[in-house]
Amino acid sequence: MAKDLGYAAQALADVGIQSAMAQAARQRFLDGDAAGEGHRDIAAIVESLRKA
């Protein structure tokens, strides 16, 4: 999911749009991955938020 969000952020940047939301969402998935939840989908975000 982080990879896909990275592609989306790049596509937006290519047309001159900076999206803080896309960057923040991608960072949440990267944080979940770093916490060992990367094998999960949206649950990776939920778990990292629960622990925060």
PDB file of N, CA and C in Angstrom:
ATOM      1  N   MET A   1       0.817  -1.184   0.000  1.00  0.00           N
ATOM      2  CA  MET A   1       0.000   0.000   0.000  1.00  0.00           C
ATOM      3  C   MET A   1       0.867   1.257   0.000  1.00  0.00           C
ATOM      4  N   ALA A   2       1.954   1.244   0.758  1.00  0.00           N
ATOM      5  CA  ALA A   2       2.850   2.411   0.780  1.00  0.00           C
ATOM      6  C   ALA A   2       3.404   2.680  -0.612  1.00  0.00           C
ATOM      7  N   LYS A   3       3.716   1.604  -1.327  1.00  0.00           N
ATOM      8  CA  LYS A   3       4.236   1.752  -2.686  1.00  0.00           C
ATOM      9  C   LYS A   3       3.202   2.452  -3.564  1.00  0.00           C
ATOM     10  N   ASP A   4       1.949   2.024  -3.485  1.00  0.00           N
ATOM     11  CA  ASP A   4       0.883   2.617  -4.292  1.00  0.00           C
ATOM     12  C   ASP A   4       0.668   4.082  -3.931  1.00  0.00           C
ATOM     13  N   LEU A   5       0.726   4.380  -2.653  1.00  0.00           N
ATOM     14  CA  LEU A   5       0.577   5.775  -2.225  1.00  0.00           C
ATOM     15  C   LEU A   5       1.753   6.619  -2.695  1.00  0.00           C
ATOM     16  N   GLY A   6       2.919   6.017  -2.774  1.00  0.00           N
ATOM     17  CA  GLY A   6       4.080   6.715  -3.324  1.00  0.00           C
ATOM     18  C   GLY A   6       3.882   7.047  -4.788  1.00  0.00           C
ATOM     19  N   TYR A   7       3.321   6.079  -5.539  1.00  0.00           N
ATOM     20  CA  TYR A   7       3.016   6.331  -6.953  1.00  0.00           C
ATOM     21  C   TYR A   7       2.000   7.457  -7.097  1.00  0.00           C
ATOM     22  N   ALA A   8       0.984   7.447  -6.260  1.00  0.00           N
ATOM     23  CA  ALA A   8      -0.046   8.488  -6.313  1.00  0.00           C
ATOM     24  C   ALA A   8       0.547   9.857  -6.004  1.00  0.00           C
ATOM     25  N   ALA A   9       1.386   9.933  -4.979  1.00  0.00           N
ATOM     26  CA  ALA A   9       2.020  11.201  -4.628  1.00  0.00           C
ATOM     27  C   ALA A   9       2.905  11.695  -5.764  1.00  0.00           C
ATOM     28  N   GLN A  10       3.601  10.775  -6.422  1.00  0.00           N
ATOM     29  CA  GLN A  10       4.461  11.166  -7.537  1.00  0.00           C
ATOM     30  C   GLN A  10       3.630  11.655  -8.721  1.00  0.00           C
ATOM     31  N   ALA A  11       2.528  10.982  -8.992  1.00  0.00           N
ATOM     32  CA  ALA A  11       1.650  11.406 -10.092  1.00  0.00           C
ATOM     33  C   ALA A  11       1.105  12.808  -9.826  1.00  0.00           C
ATOM     34  N   LEU A  12       0.740  13.073  -8.597  1.00  0.00           N
ATOM     35  CA  LEU A  12       0.267  14.411  -8.240  1.00  0.00           C
ATOM     36  C   LEU A  12       1.386  15.439  -8.388  1.00  0.00           C
ATOM     37  N   ALA A  13       2.560  15.096  -7.910  1.00  0.00           N
ATOM     38  CA  ALA A  13       3.700  16.015  -8.000  1.00  0.00           C
ATOM     39  C   ALA A  13       4.061  16.300  -9.452  1.00  0.00           C
ATOM     40  N   ASP A  14       3.900  15.306 -10.317  1.00  0.00           N
ATOM     41  CA  ASP A  14       4.218  15.486 -11.731  1.00  0.00           C
ATOM     42  C   ASP A  14       3.352  16.551 -12.404  1.00  0.00           C
ATOM     43  N   VAL A  15       2.167  16.783 -11.862  1.00  0.00           N
ATOM     44  CA  VAL A  15       1.291  17.812 -12.419  1.00  0.00           C
ATOM     45  C   VAL A  15       1.238  19.051 -11.525  1.00  0.00           C
ATOM     46  N   GLY A  16       2.203  19.142 -10.597  1.00  0.00           N
ATOM     47  CA  GLY A  16       2.345  20.338  -9.783  1.00  0.00           C
ATOM     48  C   GLY A  16       1.496  20.392  -8.533  1.00  0.00           C
ATOM     49  N   ILE A  17       0.991  19.256  -8.094  1.00  0.00           N
ATOM     50  CA  ILE A  17       0.152  19.222  -6.899  1.00  0.00           C
ATOM     51  C   ILE A  17       0.927  18.545  -5.769  1.00  0.00           C
ATOM     52  N   GLN A  18       1.068  19.239  -4.668  1.00  0.00           N
ATOM     53  CA  GLN A  18       1.671  18.656  -3.475  1.00  0.00           C
ATOM     54  C   GLN A  18       0.540  18.259  -2.530  1.00  0.00           C
ATOM     55  N   SER A  19       0.477  17.004  -2.165  1.00  0.00           N
ATOM     56  CA  SER A  19      -0.601  16.514  -1.311  1.00  0.00           C
ATOM     57  C   SER A  19      -0.059  16.059   0.036  1.00  0.00           C
ATOM     58  N   ALA A  20      -0.326  16.866   1.034  1.00  0.00           N
ATOM     59  CA  ALA A  20       0.083  16.494   2.393  1.00  0.00           C
ATOM     60  C   ALA A  20      -0.654  15.236   2.847  1.00  0.00           C
ATOM     61  N   MET A  21      -1.896  15.066   2.386  1.00  0.00           N
ATOM     62  CA  MET A  21      -2.678  13.884   2.767  1.00  0.00           C
ATOM     63  C   MET A  21      -2.046  12.608   2.213  1.00  0.00           C
ATOM     64  N   ALA A  22      -1.651  12.629   0.953  1.00  0.00           N
ATOM     65  CA  ALA A  22      -1.026  11.449   0.343  1.00  0.00           C
ATOM     66  C   ALA A  22       0.288  11.127   1.043  1.00  0.00           C
ATOM     67  N   GLN A  23       1.062  12.151   1.352  1.00  0.00           N
ATOM     68  CA  GLN A  23       2.338  11.938   2.027  1.00  0.00           C
ATOM     69  C   GLN A  23       2.129  11.400   3.440  1.00  0.00           C
ATOM     70  N   ALA A  24       1.137  11.936   4.146  1.00  0.00           N
ATOM     71  CA  ALA A  24       0.858  11.472   5.511  1.00  0.00           C
ATOM     72  C   ALA A  24       0.351  10.033   5.514  1.00  0.00           C
ATOM     73  N   ALA A  25      -0.520   9.704   4.572  1.00  0.00           N
ATOM     74  CA  ALA A  25      -1.035   8.335   4.494  1.00  0.00           C
ATOM     75  C   ALA A  25       0.099   7.353   4.204  1.00  0.00           C
ATOM     76  N   ARG A  26       0.966   7.714   3.268  1.00  0.00           N
ATOM     77  CA  ARG A  26       2.105   6.846   2.950  1.00  0.00           C
ATOM     78  C   ARG A  26       3.000   6.662   4.169  1.00  0.00           C
ATOM     79  N   GLN A  27       3.230   7.733   4.897  1.00  0.00           N
ATOM     80  CA  GLN A  27       4.084   7.640   6.085  1.00  0.00           C
ATOM     81  C   GLN A  27       3.478   6.711   7.129  1.00  0.00           C
ATOM     82  N   ARG A  28       2.156   6.740   7.276  1.00  0.00           N
ATOM     83  CA  ARG A  28       1.492   5.828   8.222  1.00  0.00           C
ATOM     84  C   ARG A  28       1.754   4.376   7.846  1.00  0.00           C
ATOM     85  N   PHE A  29       1.657   4.072   6.552  1.00  0.00           N
ATOM     86  CA  PHE A  29       1.927   2.700   6.117  1.00  0.00           C
ATOM     87  C   PHE A  29       3.388   2.343   6.320  1.00  0.00           C
ATOM     88  N   LEU A  30       4.290   3.271   6.065  1.00  0.00           N
ATOM     89  CA  LEU A  30       5.711   3.001   6.296  1.00  0.00           C
ATOM     90  C   LEU A  30       5.982   2.771   7.779  1.00  0.00           C
ATOM     91  N   ASP A  31       5.316   3.536   8.641  1.00  0.00           N
ATOM     92  CA  ASP A  31       5.465   3.342  10.086  1.00  0.00           C
ATOM     93  C   ASP A  31       4.956   1.966  10.505  1.00  0.00           C
ATOM     94  N   GLY A  32       3.821   1.565   9.941  1.00  0.00           N
ATOM     95  CA  GLY A  32       3.290   0.236  10.237  1.00  0.00           C
ATOM     96  C   GLY A  32       4.236  -0.858   9.785  1.00  0.00           C
ATOM     97  N   ASP A  33       4.835  -0.666   8.627  1.00  0.00           N
ATOM     98  CA  ASP A  33       5.804  -1.634   8.108  1.00  0.00           C
ATOM     99  C   ASP A  33       7.009  -1.720   9.039  1.00  0.00           C
ATOM    100  N   ALA A  34       7.489  -0.575   9.474  1.00  0.00           N
ATOM    101  CA  ALA A  34       8.648  -0.553  10.378  1.00  0.00           C
ATOM    102  C   ALA A  34       8.331  -1.216  11.717  1.00  0.00           C
ATOM    103  N   ALA A  35       7.051  -1.204  12.097  1.00  0.00           N
ATOM    104  CA  ALA A  35       6.638  -1.819  13.357  1.00  0.00           C
ATOM    105  C   ALA A  35       6.334  -3.310  13.195  1.00  0.00           C
ATOM    106  N   GLY A  36       6.611  -3.849  12.004  1.00  0.00           N
ATOM    107  CA  GLY A  36       6.404  -5.270  11.785  1.00  0.00           C
ATOM    108  C   GLY A  36       5.009  -5.633  11.313  1.00  0.00           C
ATOM    109  N   GLU A  37       4.223  -4.649  10.933  1.00  0.00           N
ATOM    110  CA  GLU A  37       2.861  -4.896  10.468  1.00  0.00           C
ATOM    111  C   GLU A  37       2.733  -4.798   8.952  1.00  0.00           C
ATOM    112  N   GLY A  38       3.840  -4.760   8.233  1.00  0.00           N
ATOM    113  CA  GLY A  38       3.835  -4.546   6.800  1.00  0.00           C
ATOM    114  C   GLY A  38       3.141  -5.619   5.984  1.00  0.00           C
ATOM    115  N   HIS A  39       2.991  -6.803   6.532  1.00  0.00           N
ATOM    116  CA  HIS A  39       2.326  -7.893   5.822  1.00  0.00           C
ATOM    117  C   HIS A  39       0.809  -7.729   5.814  1.00  0.00           C
ATOM    118  N   ARG A  40       0.319  -6.760   6.576  1.00  0.00           N
ATOM    119  CA  ARG A  40      -1.120  -6.529   6.683  1.00  0.00           C
ATOM    120  C   ARG A  40      -1.528  -5.375   5.783  1.00  0.00           C
ATOM    121  N   ASP A  41      -2.815  -5.220   5.554  1.00  0.00           N
ATOM    122  CA  ASP A  41      -3.300  -4.124   4.728  1.00  0.00           C
ATOM    123  C   ASP A  41      -3.584  -2.903   5.614  1.00  0.00           C
ATOM    124  N   ILE A  42      -4.775  -2.422   5.639  1.00  0.00           N
ATOM    125  CA  ILE A  42      -5.131  -1.247   6.436  1.00  0.00           C
ATOM    126  C   ILE A  42      -4.893  -1.491   7.932  1.00  0.00           C
ATOM    127  N   ALA A  43      -4.888  -2.741   8.339  1.00  0.00           N
ATOM    128  CA  ALA A  43      -4.643  -3.077   9.734  1.00  0.00           C
ATOM    129  C   ALA A  43      -3.263  -2.616  10.191  1.00  0.00           C
ATOM    130  N   ALA A  44      -2.324  -2.490   9.266  1.00  0.00           N
ATOM    131  CA  ALA A  44      -0.993  -2.005   9.621  1.00  0.00           C
ATOM    132  C   ALA A  44      -1.077  -0.603  10.209  1.00  0.00           C
ATOM    133  N   ILE A  45      -1.953   0.214   9.660  1.00  0.00           N
ATOM    134  CA  ILE A  45      -2.135   1.572  10.179  1.00  0.00           C
ATOM    135  C   ILE A  45      -2.840   1.537  11.520  1.00  0.00           C
ATOM    136  N   VAL A  46      -3.876   0.739  11.614  1.00  0.00           N
ATOM    137  CA  VAL A  46      -4.664   0.666  12.847  1.00  0.00           C
ATOM    138  C   VAL A  46      -3.792   0.249  14.020  1.00  0.00           C
ATOM    139  N   GLU A  47      -3.002  -0.780  13.831  1.00  0.00           N
ATOM    140  CA  GLU A  47      -2.149  -1.255  14.920  1.00  0.00           C
ATOM    141  C   GLU A  47      -1.126  -0.210  15.340  1.00  0.00           C
ATOM    142  N   SER A  48      -0.510   0.473  14.370  1.00  0.00           N
ATOM    143  CA  SER A  48       0.484   1.476  14.745  1.00  0.00           C
ATOM    144  C   SER A  48      -0.173   2.644  15.470  1.00  0.00           C
ATOM    145  N   LEU A  49      -1.399   2.983  15.114  1.00  0.00           N
ATOM    146  CA  LEU A  49      -2.114   4.064  15.812  1.00  0.00           C
ATOM    147  C   LEU A  49      -2.535   3.649  17.216  1.00  0.00           C
ATOM    148  N   ARG A  50      -2.921   2.402  17.367  1.00  0.00           N
ATOM    149  CA  ARG A  50      -3.309   1.913  18.696  1.00  0.00           C
ATOM    150  C   ARG A  50      -2.132   1.976  19.669  1.00  0.00           C
ATOM    151  N   LYS A  51      -0.949   1.689  19.161  1.00  0.00           N
ATOM    152  CA  LYS A  51       0.236   1.656  20.000  1.00  0.00           C
ATOM    153  C   LYS A  51       0.798   3.045  20.274  1.00  0.00           C
ATOM    154  N   ALA A  52       0.341   4.037  19.527  1.00  0.00           N
ATOM    155  CA  ALA A  52       0.879   5.409  19.665  1.00  0.00           C
ATOM    156  C   ALA A  52       0.309   6.105  20.887  1.00  0.00           C
TER     157      ALA A  52
END
